[in-house]
PDB file of N, CA and C in Angstrom:
ATOM      1  N   MET A   1     -38.811 -22.415 -30.864  1.00  0.00           N
ATOM      2  CA  MET A   1     -40.112 -23.045 -30.807  1.00  0.00           C
ATOM      3  C   MET A   1     -40.206 -23.869 -29.520  1.00  0.00           C
ATOM      4  N   LYS A   2     -41.320 -23.760 -28.830  1.00  0.00           N
ATOM      5  CA  LYS A   2     -41.506 -24.488 -27.578  1.00  0.00           C
ATOM      6  C   LYS A   2     -41.589 -25.984 -27.822  1.00  0.00           C
ATOM      7  N   GLY A   3     -41.310 -26.734 -26.763  1.00  0.00           N
ATOM      8  CA  GLY A   3     -41.432 -28.181 -26.789  1.00  0.00           C
ATOM      9  C   GLY A   3     -42.401 -28.619 -25.712  1.00  0.00           C
ATOM     10  N   TYR A   4     -42.961 -29.792 -25.892  1.00  0.00           N
ATOM     11  CA  TYR A   4     -43.979 -30.295 -24.965  1.00  0.00           C
ATOM     12  C   TYR A   4     -43.769 -31.781 -24.698  1.00  0.00           C
ATOM     13  N   TRP A   5     -44.105 -32.173 -23.491  1.00  0.00           N
ATOM     14  CA  TRP A   5     -44.291 -33.583 -23.175  1.00  0.00           C
ATOM     15  C   TRP A   5     -45.797 -33.775 -23.062  1.00  0.00           C
ATOM     16  N   ILE A   6     -46.304 -34.784 -23.716  1.00  0.00           N
ATOM     17  CA  ILE A   6     -47.698 -35.175 -23.567  1.00  0.00           C
ATOM     18  C   ILE A   6     -47.681 -36.566 -22.976  1.00  0.00           C
ATOM     19  N   GLY A   7     -48.275 -36.702 -21.804  1.00  0.00           N
ATOM     20  CA  GLY A   7     -48.232 -37.977 -21.106  1.00  0.00           C
ATOM     21  C   GLY A   7     -49.608 -38.473 -20.715  1.00  0.00           C
ATOM     22  N   ARG A   8     -49.759 -39.780 -20.803  1.00  0.00           N
ATOM     23  CA  ARG A   8     -50.968 -40.464 -20.337  1.00  0.00           C
ATOM     24  C   ARG A   8     -50.471 -41.556 -19.405  1.00  0.00           C
ATOM     25  N   VAL A   9     -51.004 -41.607 -18.197  1.00  0.00           N
ATOM     26  CA  VAL A   9     -50.431 -42.460 -17.164  1.00  0.00           C
ATOM     27  C   VAL A   9     -51.525 -43.209 -16.403  1.00  0.00           C
ATOM     28  N   ASP A  10     -51.278 -44.488 -16.161  1.00  0.00           N
ATOM     29  CA  ASP A  10     -52.076 -45.279 -15.225  1.00  0.00           C
ATOM     30  C   ASP A  10     -51.169 -45.594 -14.038  1.00  0.00           C
ATOM     31  N   VAL A  11     -51.530 -45.110 -12.873  1.00  0.00           N
ATOM     32  CA  VAL A  11     -50.741 -45.315 -11.662  1.00  0.00           C
ATOM     33  C   VAL A  11     -51.282 -46.533 -10.924  1.00  0.00           C
ATOM     34  N   SER A  12     -50.403 -47.491 -10.635  1.00  0.00           N
ATOM     35  CA  SER A  12     -50.819 -48.694  -9.907  1.00  0.00           C
ATOM     36  C   SER A  12     -50.471 -48.627  -8.424  1.00  0.00           C
ATOM     37  N   ASN A  13     -49.514 -47.769  -8.064  1.00  0.00           N
ATOM     38  CA  ASN A  13     -49.109 -47.632  -6.670  1.00  0.00           C
ATOM     39  C   ASN A  13     -48.985 -46.137  -6.349  1.00  0.00           C
ATOM     40  N   PRO A  14     -50.085 -45.505  -5.940  1.00  0.00           N
ATOM     41  CA  PRO A  14     -50.071 -44.053  -5.723  1.00  0.00           C
ATOM     42  C   PRO A  14     -49.049 -43.588  -4.685  1.00  0.00           C
ATOM     43  N   ASP A  15     -48.835 -44.357  -3.630  1.00  0.00           N
ATOM     44  CA  ASP A  15     -47.861 -43.945  -2.612  1.00  0.00           C
ATOM     45  C   ASP A  15     -46.456 -43.892  -3.187  1.00  0.00           C
ATOM     46  N   ALA A  16     -46.050 -44.930  -3.911  1.00  0.00           N
ATOM     47  CA  ALA A  16     -44.715 -44.956  -4.516  1.00  0.00           C
ATOM     48  C   ALA A  16     -44.600 -43.909  -5.622  1.00  0.00           C
ATOM     49  N   TYR A  17     -45.678 -43.652  -6.333  1.00  0.00           N
ATOM     50  CA  TYR A  17     -45.677 -42.663  -7.408  1.00  0.00           C
ATOM     51  C   TYR A  17     -45.329 -41.273  -6.871  1.00  0.00           C
ATOM     52  N   GLN A  18     -45.693 -40.991  -5.640  1.00  0.00           N
ATOM     53  CA  GLN A  18     -45.386 -39.688  -5.043  1.00  0.00           C
ATOM     54  C   GLN A  18     -43.882 -39.449  -4.952  1.00  0.00           C
ATOM     55  N   ASN A  19     -43.095 -40.517  -4.829  1.00  0.00           N
ATOM     56  CA  ASN A  19     -41.637 -40.363  -4.833  1.00  0.00           C
ATOM     57  C   ASN A  19     -41.155 -39.840  -6.186  1.00  0.00           C
ATOM     58  N   TYR A  20     -41.786 -40.298  -7.247  1.00  0.00           N
ATOM     59  CA  TYR A  20     -41.473 -39.800  -8.592  1.00  0.00           C
ATOM     60  C   TYR A  20     -41.846 -38.319  -8.705  1.00  0.00           C
ATOM     61  N   VAL A  21     -43.024 -37.964  -8.227  1.00  0.00           N
ATOM     62  CA  VAL A  21     -43.483 -36.574  -8.297  1.00  0.00           C
ATOM     63  C   VAL A  21     -42.505 -35.656  -7.563  1.00  0.00           C
ATOM     64  N   LYS A  22     -42.049 -36.064  -6.405  1.00  0.00           N
ATOM     65  CA  LYS A  22     -41.080 -35.256  -5.643  1.00  0.00           C
ATOM     66  C   LYS A  22     -39.752 -35.148  -6.389  1.00  0.00           C
ATOM     67  N   ALA A  23     -39.287 -36.262  -6.943  1.00  0.00           N
ATOM     68  CA  ALA A  23     -37.978 -36.287  -7.594  1.00  0.00           C
ATOM     69  C   ALA A  23     -37.964 -35.541  -8.926  1.00  0.00           C
ATOM     70  N   ASN A  24     -39.093 -35.503  -9.650  1.00  0.00           N
ATOM     71  CA  ASN A  24     -39.057 -34.855 -10.965  1.00  0.00           C
ATOM     72  C   ASN A  24     -39.040 -33.331 -10.871  1.00  0.00           C
ATOM     73  N   ALA A  25     -39.288 -32.783  -9.694  1.00  0.00           N
ATOM     74  CA  ALA A  25     -39.283 -31.324  -9.529  1.00  0.00           C
ATOM     75  C   ALA A  25     -37.915 -30.725  -9.866  1.00  0.00           C
ATOM     76  N   VAL A  26     -36.857 -31.426  -9.542  1.00  0.00           N
ATOM     77  CA  VAL A  26     -35.501 -30.901  -9.789  1.00  0.00           C
ATOM     78  C   VAL A  26     -35.216 -30.765 -11.287  1.00  0.00           C
ATOM     79  N   PRO A  27     -35.355 -31.832 -12.089  1.00  0.00           N
ATOM     80  CA  PRO A  27     -35.094 -31.640 -13.512  1.00  0.00           C
ATOM     81  C   PRO A  27     -36.114 -30.733 -14.194  1.00  0.00           C
ATOM     82  N   PHE A  28     -37.372 -30.764 -13.758  1.00  0.00           N
ATOM     83  CA  PHE A  28     -38.354 -29.883 -14.373  1.00  0.00           C
ATOM     84  C   PHE A  28     -37.986 -28.422 -14.148  1.00  0.00           C
ATOM     85  N   ALA A  29     -37.534 -28.076 -12.956  1.00  0.00           N
ATOM     86  CA  ALA A  29     -37.107 -26.695 -12.692  1.00  0.00           C
ATOM     87  C   ALA A  29     -35.867 -26.356 -13.513  1.00  0.00           C
ATOM     88  N   LYS A  30     -34.921 -27.273 -13.591  1.00  0.00           N
ATOM     89  CA  LYS A  30     -33.675 -27.036 -14.321  1.00  0.00           C
ATOM     90  C   LYS A  30     -33.923 -26.748 -15.795  1.00  0.00           C
ATOM     91  N   TYR A  31     -34.895 -27.430 -16.395  1.00  0.00           N
ATOM     92  CA  TYR A  31     -35.140 -27.297 -17.828  1.00  0.00           C
ATOM     93  C   TYR A  31     -36.332 -26.388 -18.156  1.00  0.00           C
ATOM     94  N   GLY A  32     -36.848 -25.676 -17.170  1.00  0.00           N
ATOM     95  CA  GLY A  32     -37.884 -24.673 -17.414  1.00  0.00           C
ATOM     96  C   GLY A  32     -39.258 -25.237 -17.706  1.00  0.00           C
ATOM     97  N   ALA A  33     -39.570 -26.409 -17.164  1.00  0.00           N
ATOM     98  CA  ALA A  33     -40.865 -27.046 -17.406  1.00  0.00           C
ATOM     99  C   ALA A  33     -41.990 -26.280 -16.723  1.00  0.00           C
ATOM    100  N   ARG A  34     -43.138 -26.315 -17.374  1.00  0.00           N
ATOM    101  CA  ARG A  34     -44.351 -25.671 -16.836  1.00  0.00           C
ATOM    102  C   ARG A  34     -45.536 -26.567 -17.167  1.00  0.00           C
ATOM    103  N   PHE A  35     -46.272 -26.987 -16.136  1.00  0.00           N
ATOM    104  CA  PHE A  35     -47.438 -27.827 -16.353  1.00  0.00           C
ATOM    105  C   PHE A  35     -48.575 -27.000 -16.947  1.00  0.00           C
ATOM    106  N   LEU A  36     -49.109 -27.461 -18.064  1.00  0.00           N
ATOM    107  CA  LEU A  36     -50.307 -26.869 -18.652  1.00  0.00           C
ATOM    108  C   LEU A  36     -51.527 -27.707 -18.297  1.00  0.00           C
ATOM    109  N   VAL A  37     -51.326 -29.002 -18.202  1.00  0.00           N
ATOM    110  CA  VAL A  37     -52.359 -29.952 -17.779  1.00  0.00           C
ATOM    111  C   VAL A  37     -51.694 -30.888 -16.788  1.00  0.00           C
ATOM    112  N   ARG A  38     -52.339 -31.100 -15.656  1.00  0.00           N
ATOM    113  CA  ARG A  38     -51.786 -32.001 -14.641  1.00  0.00           C
ATOM    114  C   ARG A  38     -52.955 -32.703 -13.958  1.00  0.00           C
ATOM    115  N   GLY A  39     -53.385 -33.809 -14.563  1.00  0.00           N
ATOM    116  CA  GLY A  39     -54.568 -34.491 -14.056  1.00  0.00           C
ATOM    117  C   GLY A  39     -55.794 -33.695 -14.484  1.00  0.00           C
ATOM    118  N   GLY A  40     -56.768 -33.651 -13.646  1.00  0.00           N
ATOM    119  CA  GLY A  40     -57.961 -32.876 -13.954  1.00  0.00           C
ATOM    120  C   GLY A  40     -59.020 -33.678 -14.677  1.00  0.00           C
ATOM    121  N   ALA A  41     -60.179 -33.092 -14.767  1.00  0.00           N
ATOM    122  CA  ALA A  41     -61.313 -33.741 -15.428  1.00  0.00           C
ATOM    123  C   ALA A  41     -61.047 -33.864 -16.920  1.00  0.00           C
ATOM    124  N   TYR A  42     -61.540 -34.923 -17.512  1.00  0.00           N
ATOM    125  CA  TYR A  42     -61.407 -35.109 -18.949  1.00  0.00           C
ATOM    126  C   TYR A  42     -62.538 -35.983 -19.469  1.00  0.00           C
ATOM    127  N   ARG A  43     -62.727 -35.927 -20.764  1.00  0.00           N
ATOM    128  CA  ARG A  43     -63.711 -36.767 -21.447  1.00  0.00           C
ATOM    129  C   ARG A  43     -63.002 -37.440 -22.610  1.00  0.00           C
ATOM    130  N   VAL A  44     -63.157 -38.720 -22.753  1.00  0.00           N
ATOM    131  CA  VAL A  44     -62.610 -39.438 -23.891  1.00  0.00           C
ATOM    132  C   VAL A  44     -63.571 -39.231 -25.058  1.00  0.00           C
ATOM    133  N   ALA A  45     -63.170 -38.443 -26.023  1.00  0.00           N
ATOM    134  CA  ALA A  45     -64.016 -38.162 -27.173  1.00  0.00           C
ATOM    135  C   ALA A  45     -63.838 -39.212 -28.267  1.00  0.00           C
ATOM    136  N   GLU A  46     -62.645 -39.800 -28.314  1.00  0.00           N
ATOM    137  CA  GLU A  46     -62.377 -40.822 -29.321  1.00  0.00           C
ATOM    138  C   GLU A  46     -61.128 -41.580 -28.902  1.00  0.00           C
ATOM    139  N   GLY A  47     -61.104 -42.871 -29.148  1.00  0.00           N
ATOM    140  CA  GLY A  47     -59.932 -43.666 -28.819  1.00  0.00           C
ATOM    141  C   GLY A  47     -59.913 -44.077 -27.364  1.00  0.00           C
ATOM    142  N   GLU A  48     -58.703 -44.325 -26.869  1.00  0.00           N
ATOM    143  CA  GLU A  48     -58.522 -44.808 -25.501  1.00  0.00           C
ATOM    144  C   GLU A  48     -57.781 -43.767 -24.670  1.00  0.00           C
ATOM    145  N   ALA A  49     -57.940 -43.848 -23.375  1.00  0.00           N
ATOM    146  CA  ALA A  49     -57.255 -42.933 -22.469  1.00  0.00           C
ATOM    147  C   ALA A  49     -56.672 -43.722 -21.312  1.00  0.00           C
ATOM    148  N   ARG A  50     -55.817 -43.073 -20.604  1.00  0.00           N
ATOM    149  CA  ARG A  50     -55.325 -43.584 -19.321  1.00  0.00           C
ATOM    150  C   ARG A  50     -55.927 -42.694 -18.241  1.00  0.00           C
ATOM    151  N   ALA A  51     -55.765 -43.076 -16.998  1.00  0.00           N
ATOM    152  CA  ALA A  51     -56.428 -42.394 -15.894  1.00  0.00           C
ATOM    153  C   ALA A  51     -55.895 -40.978 -15.633  1.00  0.00           C
ATOM    154  N   ARG A  52     -54.635 -40.727 -15.957  1.00  0.00           N
ATOM    155  CA  ARG A  52     -54.015 -39.434 -15.660  1.00  0.00           C
ATOM    156  C   ARG A  52     -53.406 -38.876 -16.938  1.00  0.00           C
ATOM    157  N   ASN A  53     -53.614 -37.588 -17.180  1.00  0.00           N
ATOM    158  CA  ASN A  53     -53.096 -36.935 -18.372  1.00  0.00           C
ATOM    159  C   ASN A  53     -52.308 -35.696 -17.974  1.00  0.00           C
ATOM    160  N   VAL A  54     -51.184 -35.472 -18.668  1.00  0.00           N
ATOM    161  CA  VAL A  54     -50.362 -34.291 -18.396  1.00  0.00           C
ATOM    162  C   VAL A  54     -49.874 -33.693 -19.706  1.00  0.00           C
ATOM    163  N   VAL A  55     -49.734 -32.381 -19.718  1.00  0.00           N
ATOM    164  CA  VAL A  55     -49.060 -31.670 -20.796  1.00  0.00           C
ATOM    165  C   VAL A  55     -48.088 -30.723 -20.108  1.00  0.00           C
ATOM    166  N   ILE A  56     -46.822 -30.867 -20.457  1.00  0.00           N
ATOM    167  CA  ILE A  56     -45.773 -30.051 -19.845  1.00  0.00           C
ATOM    168  C   ILE A  56     -45.098 -29.250 -20.948  1.00  0.00           C
ATOM    169  N   GLU A  57     -45.021 -27.945 -20.752  1.00  0.00           N
ATOM    170  CA  GLU A  57     -44.405 -27.042 -21.726  1.00  0.00           C
ATOM    171  C   GLU A  57     -42.962 -26.753 -21.314  1.00  0.00           C
ATOM    172  N   PHE A  58     -42.082 -26.725 -22.310  1.00  0.00           N
ATOM    173  CA  PHE A  58     -40.681 -26.362 -22.114  1.00  0.00           C
ATOM    174  C   PHE A  58     -40.365 -25.160 -22.997  1.00  0.00           C
ATOM    175  N   PRO A  59     -39.344 -24.392 -22.644  1.00  0.00           N
ATOM    176  CA  PRO A  59     -39.011 -23.203 -23.433  1.00  0.00           C
ATOM    177  C   PRO A  59     -38.666 -23.526 -24.895  1.00  0.00           C
ATOM    178  N   SER A  60     -38.196 -24.761 -25.143  1.00  0.00           N
ATOM    179  CA  SER A  60     -37.841 -25.171 -26.498  1.00  0.00           C
ATOM    180  C   SER A  60     -37.979 -26.685 -26.619  1.00  0.00           C
ATOM    181  N   TYR A  61     -38.065 -27.147 -27.844  1.00  0.00           N
ATOM    182  CA  TYR A  61     -38.088 -28.583 -28.112  1.00  0.00           C
ATOM    183  C   TYR A  61     -36.800 -29.212 -27.603  1.00  0.00           C
ATOM    184  N   GLN A  62     -35.676 -28.523 -27.822  1.00  0.00           N
ATOM    185  CA  GLN A  62     -34.376 -29.029 -27.350  1.00  0.00           C
ATOM    186  C   GLN A  62     -34.367 -29.197 -25.836  1.00  0.00           C
ATOM    187  N   ALA A  63     -34.916 -28.237 -25.097  1.00  0.00           N
ATOM    188  CA  ALA A  63     -34.977 -28.353 -23.633  1.00  0.00           C
ATOM    189  C   ALA A  63     -35.838 -29.539 -23.221  1.00  0.00           C
ATOM    190  N   ALA A  64     -36.937 -29.788 -23.946  1.00  0.00           N
ATOM    191  CA  ALA A  64     -37.802 -30.936 -23.641  1.00  0.00           C
ATOM    192  C   ALA A  64     -37.044 -32.241 -23.825  1.00  0.00           C
ATOM    193  N   LEU A  65     -36.272 -32.335 -24.906  1.00  0.00           N
ATOM    194  CA  LEU A  65     -35.456 -33.534 -25.146  1.00  0.00           C
ATOM    195  C   LEU A  65     -34.368 -33.680 -24.099  1.00  0.00           C
ATOM    196  N   GLU A  66     -33.690 -32.580 -23.801  1.00  0.00           N
ATOM    197  CA  GLU A  66     -32.596 -32.621 -22.826  1.00  0.00           C
ATOM    198  C   GLU A  66     -33.085 -33.005 -21.439  1.00  0.00           C
ATOM    199  N   CYS A  67     -34.266 -32.531 -21.067  1.00  0.00           N
ATOM    200  CA  CYS A  67     -34.818 -32.899 -19.766  1.00  0.00           C
ATOM    201  C   CYS A  67     -35.029 -34.406 -19.698  1.00  0.00           C
ATOM    202  N   TRP A  68     -35.686 -34.966 -20.728  1.00  0.00           N
ATOM    203  CA  TRP A  68     -35.937 -36.421 -20.736  1.00  0.00           C
ATOM    204  C   TRP A  68     -34.626 -37.203 -20.642  1.00  0.00           C
ATOM    205  N   ASP A  69     -33.632 -36.779 -21.386  1.00  0.00           N
ATOM    206  CA  ASP A  69     -32.360 -37.498 -21.461  1.00  0.00           C
ATOM    207  C   ASP A  69     -31.451 -37.245 -20.261  1.00  0.00           C
ATOM    208  N   SER A  70     -31.788 -36.275 -19.432  1.00  0.00           N
ATOM    209  CA  SER A  70     -30.891 -35.893 -18.332  1.00  0.00           C
ATOM    210  C   SER A  70     -30.792 -36.986 -17.266  1.00  0.00           C
ATOM    211  N   PRO A  71     -29.634 -37.080 -16.643  1.00  0.00           N
ATOM    212  CA  PRO A  71     -29.485 -38.031 -15.531  1.00  0.00           C
ATOM    213  C   PRO A  71     -30.469 -37.737 -14.390  1.00  0.00           C
ATOM    214  N   GLU A  72     -30.778 -36.443 -14.191  1.00  0.00           N
ATOM    215  CA  GLU A  72     -31.704 -36.078 -13.115  1.00  0.00           C
ATOM    216  C   GLU A  72     -33.101 -36.626 -13.378  1.00  0.00           C
ATOM    217  N   TYR A  73     -33.574 -36.493 -14.637  1.00  0.00           N
ATOM    218  CA  TYR A  73     -34.914 -37.003 -14.914  1.00  0.00           C
ATOM    219  C   TYR A  73     -34.927 -38.528 -14.932  1.00  0.00           C
ATOM    220  N   GLN A  74     -33.917 -39.134 -15.480  1.00  0.00           N
ATOM    221  CA  GLN A  74     -33.887 -40.596 -15.521  1.00  0.00           C
ATOM    222  C   GLN A  74     -33.849 -41.181 -14.101  1.00  0.00           C
ATOM    223  N   ALA A  75     -33.185 -40.502 -13.175  1.00  0.00           N
ATOM    224  CA  ALA A  75     -33.202 -40.935 -11.772  1.00  0.00           C
ATOM    225  C   ALA A  75     -34.606 -40.784 -11.189  1.00  0.00           C
ATOM    226  N   ALA A  76     -35.284 -39.684 -11.528  1.00  0.00           N
ATOM    227  CA  ALA A  76     -36.666 -39.492 -11.058  1.00  0.00           C
ATOM    228  C   ALA A  76     -37.573 -40.559 -11.650  1.00  0.00           C
ATOM    229  N   LYS A  77     -37.413 -40.813 -12.943  1.00  0.00           N
ATOM    230  CA  LYS A  77     -38.243 -41.809 -13.633  1.00  0.00           C
ATOM    231  C   LYS A  77     -38.097 -43.193 -13.010  1.00  0.00           C
ATOM    232  N   ALA A  78     -36.932 -43.495 -12.496  1.00  0.00           N
ATOM    233  CA  ALA A  78     -36.714 -44.793 -11.844  1.00  0.00           C
ATOM    234  C   ALA A  78     -37.676 -44.989 -10.670  1.00  0.00           C
ATOM    235  N   HIS A  79     -38.106 -43.901 -10.040  1.00  0.00           N
ATOM    236  CA  HIS A  79     -39.094 -43.982  -8.952  1.00  0.00           C
ATOM    237  C   HIS A  79     -40.486 -44.341  -9.475  1.00  0.00           C
ATOM    238  N   ARG A  80     -40.749 -44.028 -10.745  1.00  0.00           N
ATOM    239  CA  ARG A  80     -42.050 -44.328 -11.352  1.00  0.00           C
ATOM    240  C   ARG A  80     -42.097 -45.751 -11.895  1.00  0.00           C
ATOM    241  N   ASP A  81     -40.960 -46.223 -12.367  1.00  0.00           N
ATOM    242  CA  ASP A  81     -40.896 -47.545 -12.982  1.00  0.00           C
ATOM    243  C   ASP A  81     -41.426 -48.615 -12.029  1.00  0.00           C
ATOM    244  N   GLY A  82     -42.331 -49.437 -12.543  1.00  0.00           N
ATOM    245  CA  GLY A  82     -42.932 -50.495 -11.745  1.00  0.00           C
ATOM    246  C   GLY A  82     -44.150 -50.062 -10.948  1.00  0.00           C
ATOM    247  N   HIS A  83     -44.425 -48.755 -10.927  1.00  0.00           N
ATOM    248  CA  HIS A  83     -45.545 -48.227 -10.157  1.00  0.00           C
ATOM    249  C   HIS A  83     -46.575 -47.513 -11.035  1.00  0.00           C
ATOM    250  N   ALA A  84     -46.264 -47.397 -12.336  1.00  0.00           N
ATOM    251  CA  ALA A  84     -47.161 -46.745 -13.280  1.00  0.00           C
ATOM    252  C   ALA A  84     -46.798 -47.187 -14.690  1.00  0.00           C
ATOM    253  N   VAL A  85     -47.788 -47.139 -15.564  1.00  0.00           N
ATOM    254  CA  VAL A  85     -47.574 -47.373 -16.988  1.00  0.00           C
ATOM    255  C   VAL A  85     -47.846 -46.043 -17.676  1.00  0.00           C
ATOM    256  N   ALA A  86     -46.906 -45.622 -18.523  1.00  0.00           N
ATOM    257  CA  ALA A  86     -47.040 -44.298 -19.131  1.00  0.00           C
ATOM    258  C   ALA A  86     -46.786 -44.342 -20.628  1.00  0.00           C
ATOM    259  N   ASP A  87     -47.515 -43.502 -21.339  1.00  0.00           N
ATOM    260  CA  ASP A  87     -47.238 -43.190 -22.740  1.00  0.00           C
ATOM    261  C   ASP A  87     -46.803 -41.732 -22.742  1.00  0.00           C
ATOM    262  N   ILE A  88     -45.573 -41.466 -23.172  1.00  0.00           N
ATOM    263  CA  ILE A  88     -45.038 -40.101 -23.173  1.00  0.00           C
ATOM    264  C   ILE A  88     -44.525 -39.801 -24.574  1.00  0.00           C
ATOM    265  N   ILE A  89     -44.946 -38.673 -25.127  1.00  0.00           N
ATOM    266  CA  ILE A  89     -44.324 -38.213 -26.364  1.00  0.00           C
ATOM    267  C   ILE A  89     -43.721 -36.839 -26.115  1.00  0.00           C
ATOM    268  N   ILE A  90     -42.642 -36.575 -26.806  1.00  0.00           N
ATOM    269  CA  ILE A  90     -41.997 -35.269 -26.754  1.00  0.00           C
ATOM    270  C   ILE A  90     -42.178 -34.674 -28.141  1.00  0.00           C
ATOM    271  N   ILE A  91     -42.772 -33.488 -28.179  1.00  0.00           N
ATOM    272  CA  ILE A  91     -43.185 -32.939 -29.463  1.00  0.00           C
ATOM    273  C   ILE A  91     -42.856 -31.462 -29.563  1.00  0.00           C
ATOM    274  N   GLU A  92     -42.543 -31.051 -30.763  1.00  0.00           N
ATOM    275  CA  GLU A  92     -42.249 -29.650 -31.038  1.00  0.00           C
ATOM    276  C   GLU A  92     -43.547 -28.860 -31.182  1.00  0.00           C
ATOM    277  N   GLY A  93     -43.573 -27.663 -30.631  1.00  0.00           N
ATOM    278  CA  GLY A  93     -44.741 -26.803 -30.754  1.00  0.00           C
ATOM    279  C   GLY A  93     -44.935 -26.300 -32.169  1.00  0.00           C
ATOM    280  N   TYR A  94     -46.037 -25.623 -32.395  1.00  0.00           N
ATOM    281  CA  TYR A  94     -46.404 -25.109 -33.711  1.00  0.00           C
ATOM    282  C   TYR A  94     -46.701 -23.632 -33.587  1.00  0.00           C
ATOM    283  N   GLU A  95     -46.121 -22.849 -34.474  1.00  0.00           N
ATOM    284  CA  GLU A  95     -46.335 -21.404 -34.462  1.00  0.00           C
ATOM    285  C   GLU A  95     -46.798 -20.870 -35.808  1.00  0.00           C
ATOM    286  N   GLY A  96     -47.354 -21.746 -36.645  1.00  0.00           N
ATOM    287  CA  GLY A  96     -47.793 -21.343 -37.981  1.00  0.00           C
ATOM    288  C   GLY A  96     -49.192 -20.780 -37.999  1.00  0.00           C
ATOM    289  N   ALA A  97     -49.728 -20.709 -39.190  1.00  0.00           N
ATOM    290  CA  ALA A  97     -51.071 -20.168 -39.409  1.00  0.00           C
ATOM    291  C   ALA A  97     -52.125 -21.001 -38.681  1.00  0.00           C
ATOM    292  N   GLN A  98     -53.199 -20.347 -38.285  1.00  0.00           N
ATOM    293  CA  GLN A  98     -54.297 -20.997 -37.583  1.00  0.00           C
ATOM    294  C   GLN A  98     -55.554 -20.923 -38.448  1.00  0.00           C
ATOM    295  N   PRO A  99     -56.496 -21.825 -38.207  1.00  0.00           N
ATOM    296  CA  PRO A  99     -57.754 -21.780 -38.968  1.00  0.00           C
ATOM    297  C   PRO A  99     -58.474 -20.448 -38.770  1.00  0.00           C
ATOM    298  N   GLY A 100     -59.156 -20.026 -39.803  1.00  0.00           N
ATOM    299  CA  GLY A 100     -59.987 -18.826 -39.701  1.00  0.00           C
ATOM    300  C   GLY A 100     -59.200 -17.603 -39.844  1.00  0.00           C
TER     301      GLY A 100
END
C-alpha cells in the first residue's frame, strides 16, 4: 500500500527555504518520492490553511516513514527549521471500495 506525506507550510524566509528544497531531493529520490501536489492554486473550503500545500507519494507507507526518519531527510529538514512552519502527516494510502 502506498504512503503519503501531506504537508501545509508557511514559509517565512523564501531564500533560506530554497536550501531545504535542494537538500530534500536526495532523500526523496532515495525513497521513491513523487510530488502529486507542490504548491499551486487552492481554495480553503473549510477550516484553516497554510500558504503552501504539498502531497508526496511514496511506493509504500514504510518508505514514507523511513524517508522521514532517515538521516538524509533530517539533515535536509534542518535547512527548513527556523525558516518555515509546517504541519506534516505521514499516512497510509487506501485501496478499498469506492463510493458508487
